[in-house]
Amino acid sequence: MKLKEMLIGLEGLKVKGDLELEIKGIESNSKAVKKNYLFVAIKGFDVDGHQYIADAIKKGAIAVMVEEGCDLKALAIPEGITIVMAKNTREALAICSSNFYDNPSRKFKLIGVTGTKGKTTTTFMIKEILEKAGKKVGLIGTIATYRNGKKVKDSDRTTPESIELQREFAEMVKAGVEAVVMEVSSQSLKLHRVDGCEFDIVLFTNFSEDHISEKEHPDMEDYFHSKLKLFEMCKIGITNADDLYGAKIPKLFPDSNIVTYGIDNFANLLAKDITITNSYVDFKVKITERNERVKTSIPGRFSVYNSLAAICVAQKFAISPEVIKEALTEVRVPGRSELVDNKKEIPIMIDYAHSPESLENILQAVKSYTKGKVICVFGCGGDRDTGKRPIMGEISGRIADFTVITSDNPRTEKPEEIINQIEEGMKKTKGKYKVVVDRTEAIKEAIQMATKRDIIILAGKGHEPYQEINGEKFPYDERVIVNEIMEEL
């Protein structure tokens, strides 16, 4: 593609050199640059890409994009290399990538899901409904990327960098994908990763304090306004009427077509007559002209909200209530309130809860509907925030009926030392607990004390299929472990 074609849609550029160059690829990582590439220098939090321009040129870059304000003299870019100066190279990278891959998001229906919690589960529910309706679907999110029902790769972040995203979109077009549902993080919106994407439907799940730090959002306003950018990119929106921030969205975007869903407040789609058990949730909702009874095997009140959000999307595709109900009954989300089928029929839930807030949320949720005991098995990762360990111990001690403190990705730390720090918090409560360092033995301990009336929460690992010890990842899938223990018992 000619360089000038890649720059379509960008304003205020300053150029020195030939715009007729034939560009073979685009990269912001100098190590990945090849012959006849455009290298885009990004000023990151820790690394400034402008320092790697010389390396990119050695690798074969014939054009470089720099950001306004950089010291061009100091960069000493050789003659014959085309220089493009942009106001914001992150934004320019996204637009150029989209152009280079022939604007793939125009070739399928793109659904963007943002919010503090519920993004992953909601995207999986939407994917399941669309696939049940016979559509070819792509999914991009926190757990993995899926294309036509097959997992393509695991994810290292919620929303990929713009080049990677557009490259994946292009692959999805090649595979005949008709609809793509993706999690859109506030960071990706703030850092222009989804610029150049053409969204057909955008969805807001809920909003609470998270990601407030020097490298993320300075305050809640910045965090919320970053999420709102998604609604500026699309005229069709869906939002949670029961969420304090979500309820503001229809007034903030009066010219958009925004549908609301909820349980407590007036909404276009309202759930009534809700039943929550330790293995499913069901509720009544008016999908077309009739009230339908919807059931999903992901228990908890939040599951009602996620289901309603997915139903709103399904309605935009005119999918029948029968298909919606069947899909929601069958949907499973790896490591998110995921119930493990087992021959003893004990409710055993795997959940990715690995922070104080997420552990508290899952334990409070299951406590509200479990008739028997809540048994929590958890540990904390090594080489990570040590301050959260006693806090999580205190949370489990306060809410769970019994806690088994164990190991979870100790990395380079001694598991016993991590456990000691968790215990400090546990001892502040009257909670009953036991320390079992080996995670498999800890799970076995929990299973042996549980009945069908109880629920076991295996918190922390979620979708991870490994245990990380001293820099090595050993295979460790809790679903497999649970069933091996059941066979043994």
Protein backbone atom coordinates (compact mmCIF):
# COMPACT_ATOMS: atom_id res chain seq x y z
CA MET A 1 0.00 0.00 0.00
CA LYS A 2 1.21 3.50 -0.79
CA LEU A 3 2.22 5.58 2.24
CA LYS A 4 -0.20 8.38 1.27
CA GLU A 5 -3.12 5.87 1.34
CA MET A 6 -2.16 4.77 4.85
CA LEU A 7 -2.39 8.39 6.07
CA ILE A 8 -6.01 8.94 4.93
CA GLY A 9 -8.11 10.34 7.78
CA LEU A 10 -5.22 11.95 9.65
CA GLU A 11 -5.13 15.73 9.91
CA GLY A 12 -2.37 18.23 10.66
CA LEU A 13 0.48 16.02 9.42
CA LYS A 14 3.86 17.44 8.44
CA VAL A 15 5.79 15.40 5.90
CA LYS A 16 9.35 15.39 4.59
CA GLY A 17 10.03 12.94 1.76
CA ASP A 18 8.21 10.68 -0.68
CA LEU A 19 4.56 9.78 0.01
CA GLU A 20 4.38 7.45 -3.01
CA LEU A 21 6.51 4.82 -1.24
CA GLU A 22 5.13 1.27 -1.34
CA ILE A 23 4.82 0.17 2.31
CA LYS A 24 4.92 -3.57 3.08
CA GLY A 25 4.07 -3.41 6.78
CA ILE A 26 3.61 -1.21 9.85
CA GLU A 27 5.16 -1.63 13.31
CA SER A 28 5.67 0.30 16.54
CA ASN A 29 8.15 -2.28 17.88
CA SER A 30 11.53 -1.77 16.17
CA LYS A 31 12.43 -5.47 16.66
CA ALA A 32 9.51 -6.52 14.44
CA VAL A 33 10.32 -4.10 11.58
CA LYS A 34 11.16 -5.63 8.15
CA LYS A 35 12.21 -4.29 4.75
CA ASN A 36 10.03 -1.46 3.38
CA TYR A 37 8.08 -0.95 6.63
CA LEU A 38 6.67 2.17 8.25
CA PHE A 39 7.93 2.52 11.84
CA VAL A 40 5.72 4.51 14.20
CA ALA A 41 7.50 5.91 17.27
CA ILE A 42 5.29 5.83 20.38
CA LYS A 43 6.19 7.66 23.56
CA GLY A 44 5.22 5.10 26.23
CA PHE A 45 5.14 5.30 30.03
CA ASP A 46 8.52 3.61 30.41
CA VAL A 47 10.03 3.52 26.91
CA ASP A 48 10.20 6.18 24.20
CA GLY A 49 9.99 4.64 20.73
CA HIS A 50 11.82 7.65 19.25
CA GLN A 51 15.02 6.18 20.73
CA TYR A 52 14.66 3.13 18.47
CA ILE A 53 14.26 4.90 15.12
CA ALA A 54 17.86 4.11 14.10
CA ASP A 55 17.31 0.42 14.91
CA ALA A 56 14.09 0.38 12.86
CA ILE A 57 15.88 1.93 9.86
CA LYS A 58 18.68 -0.68 10.14
CA LYS A 59 15.97 -3.36 10.04
CA GLY A 60 14.55 -1.93 6.80
CA ALA A 61 12.11 0.87 7.66
CA ILE A 62 11.82 3.31 4.72
CA ALA A 63 9.45 5.72 6.50
CA VAL A 64 9.15 6.79 10.13
CA MET A 65 6.37 8.56 11.99
CA VAL A 66 7.33 10.84 14.87
CA GLU A 67 5.32 12.87 17.38
CA GLU A 68 5.14 16.66 17.46
CA GLY A 69 7.57 18.04 20.01
CA CYS A 70 10.33 15.48 19.42
CA ASP A 71 13.87 16.75 18.71
CA LEU A 72 14.29 15.95 15.01
CA LYS A 73 17.90 17.14 14.94
CA ALA A 74 18.87 14.84 17.79
CA LEU A 75 17.16 11.92 16.03
CA ALA A 76 19.47 12.45 13.00
CA ILE A 77 17.21 10.57 10.59
CA PRO A 78 19.20 9.87 7.38
CA GLU A 79 18.36 11.44 4.00
CA GLY A 80 16.08 9.32 1.86
CA ILE A 81 13.91 8.21 4.80
CA THR A 82 10.42 9.73 4.66
CA ILE A 83 9.47 11.45 7.92
CA VAL A 84 5.82 11.96 8.91
CA MET A 85 5.13 14.11 11.98
CA ALA A 86 1.78 13.57 13.73
CA LYS A 87 0.11 15.35 16.66
CA ASN A 88 -0.41 12.01 18.41
CA THR A 89 1.39 8.92 17.13
CA ARG A 90 -0.81 6.49 19.11
CA GLU A 91 -3.89 7.81 17.33
CA ALA A 92 -2.03 7.88 13.99
CA LEU A 93 -0.84 4.28 14.49
CA ALA A 94 -4.47 3.11 14.92
CA ILE A 95 -5.72 4.97 11.82
CA CYS A 96 -2.74 3.86 9.68
CA SER A 97 -3.17 0.24 10.82
CA SER A 98 -6.86 0.31 9.99
CA ASN A 99 -6.11 1.75 6.53
CA PHE A 100 -3.25 -0.72 5.92
CA TYR A 101 -5.51 -3.70 6.63
CA ASP A 102 -8.27 -2.17 4.43
CA ASN A 103 -10.56 -1.04 7.27
CA PRO A 104 -11.66 -4.57 8.23
CA SER A 105 -14.21 -3.51 10.88
CA ARG A 106 -16.44 -2.16 8.09
CA LYS A 107 -16.82 -5.71 6.79
CA PHE A 108 -18.61 -7.25 9.79
CA LYS A 109 -20.85 -6.15 12.66
CA LEU A 110 -18.66 -4.90 15.51
CA ILE A 111 -19.99 -4.93 19.09
CA GLY A 112 -17.92 -3.16 21.77
CA VAL A 113 -18.47 -3.93 25.48
CA THR A 114 -17.06 -1.64 28.18
CA GLY A 115 -17.58 -1.30 31.95
CA THR A 116 -15.71 -2.10 35.16
CA LYS A 117 -17.12 -5.60 35.66
CA GLY A 118 -19.03 -8.10 33.56
CA LYS A 119 -17.31 -7.44 30.21
CA THR A 120 -15.92 -10.96 29.82
CA THR A 121 -19.12 -12.81 30.77
CA THR A 122 -21.31 -10.52 28.66
CA THR A 123 -19.12 -10.96 25.55
CA PHE A 124 -19.24 -14.77 25.94
CA MET A 125 -23.04 -14.64 26.30
CA ILE A 126 -23.35 -12.52 23.14
CA LYS A 127 -20.99 -14.87 21.27
CA GLU A 128 -23.03 -17.92 22.34
CA ILE A 129 -26.34 -16.33 21.25
CA LEU A 130 -25.00 -15.21 17.85
CA GLU A 131 -23.42 -18.63 17.19
CA LYS A 132 -26.67 -20.39 18.15
CA ALA A 133 -28.37 -18.13 15.60
CA GLY A 134 -26.02 -19.55 12.95
CA LYS A 135 -23.63 -16.63 12.64
CA LYS A 136 -19.85 -16.84 12.25
CA VAL A 137 -18.50 -14.99 15.29
CA GLY A 138 -15.19 -13.57 16.48
CA LEU A 139 -14.43 -12.66 20.11
CA ILE A 140 -11.56 -10.56 21.48
CA GLY A 141 -11.14 -10.10 25.23
CA THR A 142 -9.39 -10.69 28.53
CA ILE A 143 -9.26 -14.49 28.28
CA ALA A 144 -8.52 -15.18 24.62
CA THR A 145 -9.28 -14.47 20.97
CA TYR A 146 -11.78 -16.79 19.27
CA ARG A 147 -12.54 -17.11 15.58
CA ASN A 148 -15.52 -19.19 14.36
CA GLY A 149 -15.72 -21.19 17.60
CA LYS A 150 -11.99 -21.94 17.81
CA LYS A 151 -9.58 -20.37 20.29
CA VAL A 152 -6.85 -18.62 18.28
CA LYS A 153 -4.64 -17.44 21.16
CA ASP A 154 -4.62 -16.51 24.83
CA SER A 155 -4.70 -12.80 25.68
CA ASP A 156 -2.12 -10.77 27.55
CA ARG A 157 -4.39 -7.73 27.81
CA THR A 158 -8.12 -6.98 27.55
CA THR A 159 -7.89 -4.99 24.28
CA PRO A 160 -4.89 -5.54 21.98
CA GLU A 161 -2.66 -2.77 20.59
CA SER A 162 -4.14 -1.17 17.47
CA ILE A 163 -1.82 -2.93 14.95
CA GLU A 164 -2.50 -6.33 16.49
CA LEU A 165 -6.23 -5.59 16.65
CA GLN A 166 -6.53 -4.56 12.98
CA ARG A 167 -4.37 -7.54 11.92
CA GLU A 168 -6.72 -9.88 13.82
CA PHE A 169 -9.78 -8.16 12.31
CA ALA A 170 -8.29 -8.76 8.82
CA GLU A 171 -7.86 -12.47 9.66
CA MET A 172 -11.47 -12.59 10.82
CA VAL A 173 -12.62 -11.08 7.52
CA LYS A 174 -10.64 -13.78 5.67
CA ALA A 175 -12.33 -16.43 7.83
CA GLY A 176 -15.77 -15.11 6.85
CA VAL A 177 -16.66 -13.78 10.31
CA GLU A 178 -19.99 -11.91 10.29
CA ALA A 179 -19.95 -10.40 13.81
CA VAL A 180 -17.16 -9.59 16.27
CA VAL A 181 -17.79 -8.94 19.96
CA MET A 182 -14.92 -7.38 21.89
CA GLU A 183 -14.12 -6.13 25.37
CA VAL A 184 -13.05 -2.49 25.21
CA SER A 185 -11.01 -1.38 28.23
CA SER A 186 -10.86 2.24 29.39
CA GLN A 187 -7.09 2.13 28.79
CA SER A 188 -7.59 1.11 25.16
CA LEU A 189 -9.98 4.04 24.66
CA LYS A 190 -7.65 6.49 26.39
CA LEU A 191 -4.61 5.23 24.45
CA HIS A 192 -6.41 5.26 21.06
CA ARG A 193 -6.11 1.48 20.49
CA VAL A 194 -9.63 1.27 19.02
CA ASP A 195 -9.47 4.45 16.91
CA GLY A 196 -10.30 3.54 13.32
CA CYS A 197 -12.76 0.84 14.44
CA GLU A 198 -16.32 1.18 13.14
CA PHE A 199 -18.64 -0.01 15.90
CA ASP A 200 -22.22 -1.06 15.12
CA ILE A 201 -23.33 -1.50 18.76
CA VAL A 202 -21.67 -0.37 22.01
CA LEU A 203 -22.58 -1.56 25.50
CA PHE A 204 -21.87 -0.27 29.04
CA THR A 205 -22.17 -2.84 31.86
CA ASN A 206 -21.45 -0.90 35.09
CA PHE A 207 -18.91 1.39 36.74
CA SER A 208 -17.00 1.25 40.04
CA GLU A 209 -13.57 2.24 41.33
CA ASP A 210 -10.76 0.43 39.53
CA HIS A 211 -7.63 1.24 37.50
CA ILE A 212 -6.90 4.45 39.43
CA SER A 213 -3.12 4.81 39.34
CA GLU A 214 -0.31 6.93 37.86
CA LYS A 215 -0.10 4.75 34.75
CA GLU A 216 -3.86 4.33 34.27
CA HIS A 217 -6.43 6.95 35.35
CA PRO A 218 -5.70 9.81 37.79
CA ASP A 219 -9.30 9.83 39.09
CA MET A 220 -12.82 8.44 38.60
CA GLU A 221 -13.86 11.25 36.23
CA ASP A 222 -10.99 10.46 33.85
CA TYR A 223 -11.86 6.75 34.09
CA PHE A 224 -15.54 7.36 33.28
CA HIS A 225 -14.85 9.83 30.47
CA SER A 226 -12.45 7.35 28.89
CA LYS A 227 -15.25 4.76 28.78
CA LEU A 228 -17.69 7.31 27.31
CA LYS A 229 -15.46 7.65 24.22
CA LEU A 230 -16.96 4.37 23.04
CA PHE A 231 -20.40 6.03 22.80
CA GLU A 232 -18.88 8.82 20.68
CA MET A 233 -17.87 6.11 18.18
CA CYS A 234 -21.36 4.67 17.64
CA LYS A 235 -24.99 5.80 17.43
CA ILE A 236 -26.49 2.56 18.81
CA GLY A 237 -25.87 2.03 22.51
CA ILE A 238 -26.98 -0.18 25.40
CA THR A 239 -26.57 0.73 29.07
CA ASN A 240 -27.41 -0.46 32.58
CA ALA A 241 -30.21 1.71 34.04
CA ASP A 242 -29.47 0.49 37.60
CA ASP A 243 -25.89 1.75 37.51
CA LEU A 244 -25.43 5.32 38.76
CA TYR A 245 -23.05 6.19 35.90
CA GLY A 246 -24.72 4.02 33.27
CA ALA A 247 -28.03 5.79 33.90
CA LYS A 248 -26.45 9.12 32.86
CA ILE A 249 -25.52 7.89 29.38
CA PRO A 250 -28.87 8.41 27.54
CA LYS A 251 -28.89 12.10 28.63
CA LEU A 252 -25.22 12.54 27.70
CA PHE A 253 -25.90 11.21 24.18
CA PRO A 254 -29.41 12.49 23.33
CA ASP A 255 -28.92 12.07 19.56
CA SER A 256 -28.02 8.38 19.88
CA ASN A 257 -30.37 5.40 19.92
CA ILE A 258 -29.75 4.07 23.45
CA VAL A 259 -31.58 1.12 25.00
CA THR A 260 -31.54 0.50 28.76
CA TYR A 261 -31.79 -2.69 30.85
CA GLY A 262 -32.19 -3.22 34.58
CA ILE A 263 -33.86 -4.85 37.58
CA ASP A 264 -34.72 -2.01 39.98
CA ASN A 265 -35.21 1.09 37.80
CA PHE A 266 -37.38 1.82 34.78
CA ALA A 267 -35.69 0.34 31.69
CA ASN A 268 -36.53 -0.83 28.17
CA LEU A 269 -35.67 -4.40 29.17
CA LEU A 270 -36.63 -5.32 32.73
CA ALA A 271 -35.97 -8.55 34.66
CA LYS A 272 -38.70 -9.70 37.07
CA ASP A 273 -39.46 -12.69 39.30
CA ILE A 274 -35.78 -13.60 39.80
CA THR A 275 -34.69 -16.93 41.32
CA ILE A 276 -31.05 -17.38 42.33
CA THR A 277 -29.66 -20.75 43.46
CA ASN A 278 -26.11 -22.02 43.91
CA SER A 279 -26.14 -23.58 40.44
CA TYR A 280 -28.26 -21.28 38.24
CA VAL A 281 -30.31 -18.10 38.01
CA ASP A 282 -33.61 -17.62 36.20
CA PHE A 283 -35.91 -14.67 35.63
CA LYS A 284 -38.79 -13.35 33.53
CA VAL A 285 -38.19 -10.80 30.78
CA LYS A 286 -40.27 -9.49 27.86
CA ILE A 287 -38.18 -10.34 24.79
CA THR A 288 -40.57 -9.75 21.87
CA GLU A 289 -44.22 -9.38 22.76
CA ARG A 290 -44.23 -12.18 25.33
CA ASN A 291 -42.76 -12.64 28.77
CA GLU A 292 -40.11 -15.35 28.60
CA ARG A 293 -38.49 -17.35 31.41
CA VAL A 294 -34.71 -17.20 30.93
CA LYS A 295 -32.26 -19.44 32.77
CA THR A 296 -28.46 -19.38 32.89
CA SER A 297 -26.04 -21.69 34.67
CA ILE A 298 -23.93 -18.80 35.96
CA PRO A 299 -25.41 -18.05 39.40
CA GLY A 300 -25.59 -14.60 41.00
CA ARG A 301 -27.54 -11.36 40.60
CA PHE A 302 -24.82 -9.93 38.33
CA SER A 303 -25.62 -12.79 35.95
CA VAL A 304 -29.10 -11.34 35.44
CA TYR A 305 -27.54 -8.00 34.38
CA ASN A 306 -25.08 -9.68 32.01
CA SER A 307 -27.89 -11.78 30.48
CA LEU A 308 -30.07 -8.69 29.98
CA ALA A 309 -27.19 -6.88 28.25
CA ALA A 310 -26.68 -9.85 25.91
CA ILE A 311 -30.44 -10.04 25.19
CA CYS A 312 -30.41 -6.34 24.20
CA VAL A 313 -27.70 -7.10 21.61
CA ALA A 314 -29.60 -10.18 20.39
CA GLN A 315 -32.69 -8.00 19.83
CA LYS A 316 -30.66 -5.71 17.56
CA PHE A 317 -29.99 -8.82 15.44
CA ALA A 318 -33.69 -9.87 15.60
CA ILE A 319 -32.79 -13.24 17.13
CA SER A 320 -35.71 -15.37 18.32
CA PRO A 321 -36.44 -15.84 22.06
CA GLU A 322 -36.00 -19.63 21.66
CA VAL A 323 -32.42 -19.21 20.40
CA ILE A 324 -31.60 -16.65 23.11
CA LYS A 325 -32.92 -18.92 25.89
CA GLU A 326 -31.11 -22.00 24.60
CA ALA A 327 -27.79 -20.12 24.31
CA LEU A 328 -28.00 -18.58 27.80
CA THR A 329 -28.75 -21.99 29.33
CA GLU A 330 -25.62 -23.47 27.75
CA VAL A 331 -23.11 -20.62 28.03
CA ARG A 332 -19.94 -21.22 30.07
CA VAL A 333 -17.26 -18.59 30.65
CA PRO A 334 -13.79 -19.98 31.42
CA GLY A 335 -12.90 -19.04 35.00
CA ARG A 336 -15.73 -16.59 35.57
CA SER A 337 -18.24 -18.00 38.11
CA GLU A 338 -17.68 -21.26 36.23
CA LEU A 339 -19.39 -24.28 37.76
CA VAL A 340 -17.47 -27.55 37.38
CA ASP A 341 -19.61 -30.61 36.60
CA ASN A 342 -18.66 -33.43 38.96
CA LYS A 343 -20.07 -36.83 39.88
CA LYS A 344 -20.79 -35.85 43.51
CA GLU A 345 -22.89 -32.88 42.24
CA ILE A 346 -21.25 -30.55 44.77
CA PRO A 347 -21.44 -26.91 43.57
CA ILE A 348 -17.77 -26.11 42.83
CA MET A 349 -17.14 -22.72 41.27
CA ILE A 350 -13.89 -21.59 39.64
CA ASP A 351 -13.50 -17.83 39.65
CA TYR A 352 -10.66 -15.52 38.63
CA ALA A 353 -11.13 -13.40 41.80
CA HIS A 354 -7.54 -12.41 42.63
CA SER A 355 -7.98 -8.94 44.14
CA PRO A 356 -9.67 -7.90 47.42
CA GLU A 357 -12.64 -6.36 45.59
CA SER A 358 -13.23 -9.34 43.28
CA LEU A 359 -12.89 -11.85 46.16
CA GLU A 360 -15.37 -9.89 48.26
CA ASN A 361 -17.80 -9.63 45.34
CA ILE A 362 -17.83 -13.35 44.55
CA LEU A 363 -18.08 -14.41 48.23
CA GLN A 364 -20.91 -11.93 48.96
CA ALA A 365 -22.72 -13.08 45.81
CA VAL A 366 -22.62 -16.80 46.65
CA LYS A 367 -23.37 -16.15 50.35
CA SER A 368 -26.65 -14.50 49.37
CA TYR A 369 -28.06 -17.63 47.72
CA THR A 370 -26.25 -20.63 49.28
CA LYS A 371 -28.31 -22.55 51.84
CA GLY A 372 -25.28 -24.38 53.28
CA LYS A 373 -21.64 -23.41 53.87
CA VAL A 374 -19.46 -21.20 51.67
CA ILE A 375 -15.99 -22.84 51.50
CA CYS A 376 -13.29 -20.66 49.98
CA VAL A 377 -9.97 -22.02 48.67
CA PHE A 378 -7.51 -19.29 47.72
CA GLY A 379 -3.93 -18.01 47.79
CA CYS A 380 -2.13 -14.93 46.45
CA GLY A 381 0.35 -14.67 43.58
CA GLY A 382 4.04 -14.20 44.31
CA ASP A 383 6.08 -11.17 43.14
CA ARG A 384 2.92 -9.05 43.10
CA ASP A 385 1.19 -6.58 45.45
CA THR A 386 1.96 -7.89 48.95
CA GLY A 387 -0.38 -5.37 50.63
CA LYS A 388 -3.50 -7.16 49.38
CA ARG A 389 -2.63 -10.49 51.06
CA PRO A 390 -3.81 -9.74 54.63
CA ILE A 391 -6.80 -7.80 53.23
CA MET A 392 -7.93 -10.86 51.25
CA GLY A 393 -7.38 -13.08 54.31
CA GLU A 394 -9.63 -10.78 56.33
CA ILE A 395 -12.31 -10.74 53.59
CA SER A 396 -12.48 -14.53 53.37
CA GLY A 397 -12.41 -14.87 57.16
CA ARG A 398 -15.32 -12.45 57.47
CA ILE A 399 -17.57 -13.80 54.69
CA ALA A 400 -16.77 -17.49 54.06
CA ASP A 401 -17.85 -20.18 56.53
CA PHE A 402 -14.54 -21.95 56.07
CA THR A 403 -11.32 -20.99 54.26
CA VAL A 404 -8.51 -23.19 53.01
CA ILE A 405 -5.45 -20.95 52.49
CA THR A 406 -3.15 -22.36 49.83
CA SER A 407 -0.69 -21.60 47.03
CA ASP A 408 -1.42 -19.66 43.81
CA ASN A 409 1.37 -18.88 41.32
CA PRO A 410 4.07 -18.35 43.99
CA ARG A 411 6.55 -17.45 41.22
CA THR A 412 9.92 -16.74 42.91
CA GLU A 413 8.51 -16.40 46.46
CA LYS A 414 8.15 -19.15 49.07
CA PRO A 415 4.46 -20.16 49.26
CA GLU A 416 4.66 -20.40 53.06
CA GLU A 417 5.71 -16.73 53.35
CA ILE A 418 2.77 -15.60 51.18
CA ILE A 419 0.40 -17.75 53.26
CA ASN A 420 1.75 -16.22 56.50
CA GLN A 421 0.81 -12.76 55.21
CA ILE A 422 -2.71 -13.93 54.27
CA GLU A 423 -3.03 -15.46 57.75
CA GLU A 424 -2.32 -12.07 59.39
CA GLY A 425 -5.63 -10.80 58.00
CA MET A 426 -7.48 -14.04 58.68
CA LYS A 427 -6.53 -13.86 62.39
CA LYS A 428 -8.31 -10.49 62.70
CA THR A 429 -11.60 -12.36 62.14
CA LYS A 430 -13.37 -15.23 63.85
CA GLY A 431 -13.30 -17.15 60.57
CA LYS A 432 -12.55 -20.87 60.60
CA TYR A 433 -9.64 -21.83 58.38
CA LYS A 434 -6.90 -24.31 57.60
CA VAL A 435 -3.55 -23.93 55.83
CA VAL A 436 -2.81 -26.52 53.11
CA VAL A 437 0.20 -25.37 51.04
CA ASP A 438 -0.28 -27.82 48.14
CA ARG A 439 -3.19 -26.50 46.07
CA THR A 440 -4.44 -29.92 44.95
CA GLU A 441 -4.51 -31.15 48.55
CA ALA A 442 -6.32 -27.92 49.53
CA ILE A 443 -9.03 -28.55 46.91
CA LYS A 444 -9.33 -32.16 48.12
CA GLU A 445 -9.73 -30.93 51.72
CA ALA A 446 -12.59 -28.62 50.63
CA ILE A 447 -14.34 -31.35 48.62
CA GLN A 448 -14.19 -33.80 51.55
CA MET A 449 -15.99 -31.36 53.87
CA ALA A 450 -18.67 -30.23 51.36
CA THR A 451 -22.25 -31.37 50.72
CA LYS A 452 -24.68 -30.55 47.88
CA ARG A 453 -26.10 -27.70 49.97
CA ASP A 454 -22.68 -26.01 50.21
CA ILE A 455 -20.58 -24.24 47.59
CA ILE A 456 -16.81 -24.37 47.10
CA ILE A 457 -15.16 -21.31 45.58
CA LEU A 458 -11.77 -21.97 43.98
CA ALA A 459 -10.61 -18.36 43.73
CA GLY A 460 -7.67 -16.80 41.90
CA LYS A 461 -6.71 -19.00 38.96
CA GLY A 462 -9.85 -18.77 36.87
CA HIS A 463 -9.08 -19.51 33.21
CA GLU A 464 -5.33 -19.99 33.82
CA PRO A 465 -4.28 -23.55 32.90
CA TYR A 466 -0.97 -23.37 34.81
CA GLN A 467 0.76 -22.90 38.16
CA GLU A 468 3.83 -20.61 37.95
CA ILE A 469 6.75 -21.63 40.19
CA ASN A 470 10.27 -20.17 39.91
CA GLY A 471 9.78 -18.78 36.41
CA GLU A 472 8.32 -22.03 35.05
CA LYS A 473 4.66 -22.63 34.17
CA PHE A 474 3.48 -26.13 35.09
CA PRO A 475 0.19 -27.45 33.60
CA TYR A 476 -2.57 -26.95 36.19
CA ASP A 477 -6.22 -26.93 35.14
CA GLU A 478 -8.57 -26.82 38.14
CA ARG A 479 -11.39 -28.47 36.16
CA VAL A 480 -9.16 -31.50 35.53
CA ILE A 481 -7.85 -31.46 39.14
CA VAL A 482 -11.42 -31.47 40.57
CA ASN A 483 -12.45 -34.47 38.49
CA GLU A 484 -9.22 -36.36 39.26
CA ILE A 485 -9.90 -35.84 43.00
CA MET A 486 -13.49 -37.05 42.54
CA GLU A 487 -12.26 -40.24 40.83
CA GLU A 488 -9.76 -40.79 43.63
CA LEU A 489 -12.41 -40.32 46.36
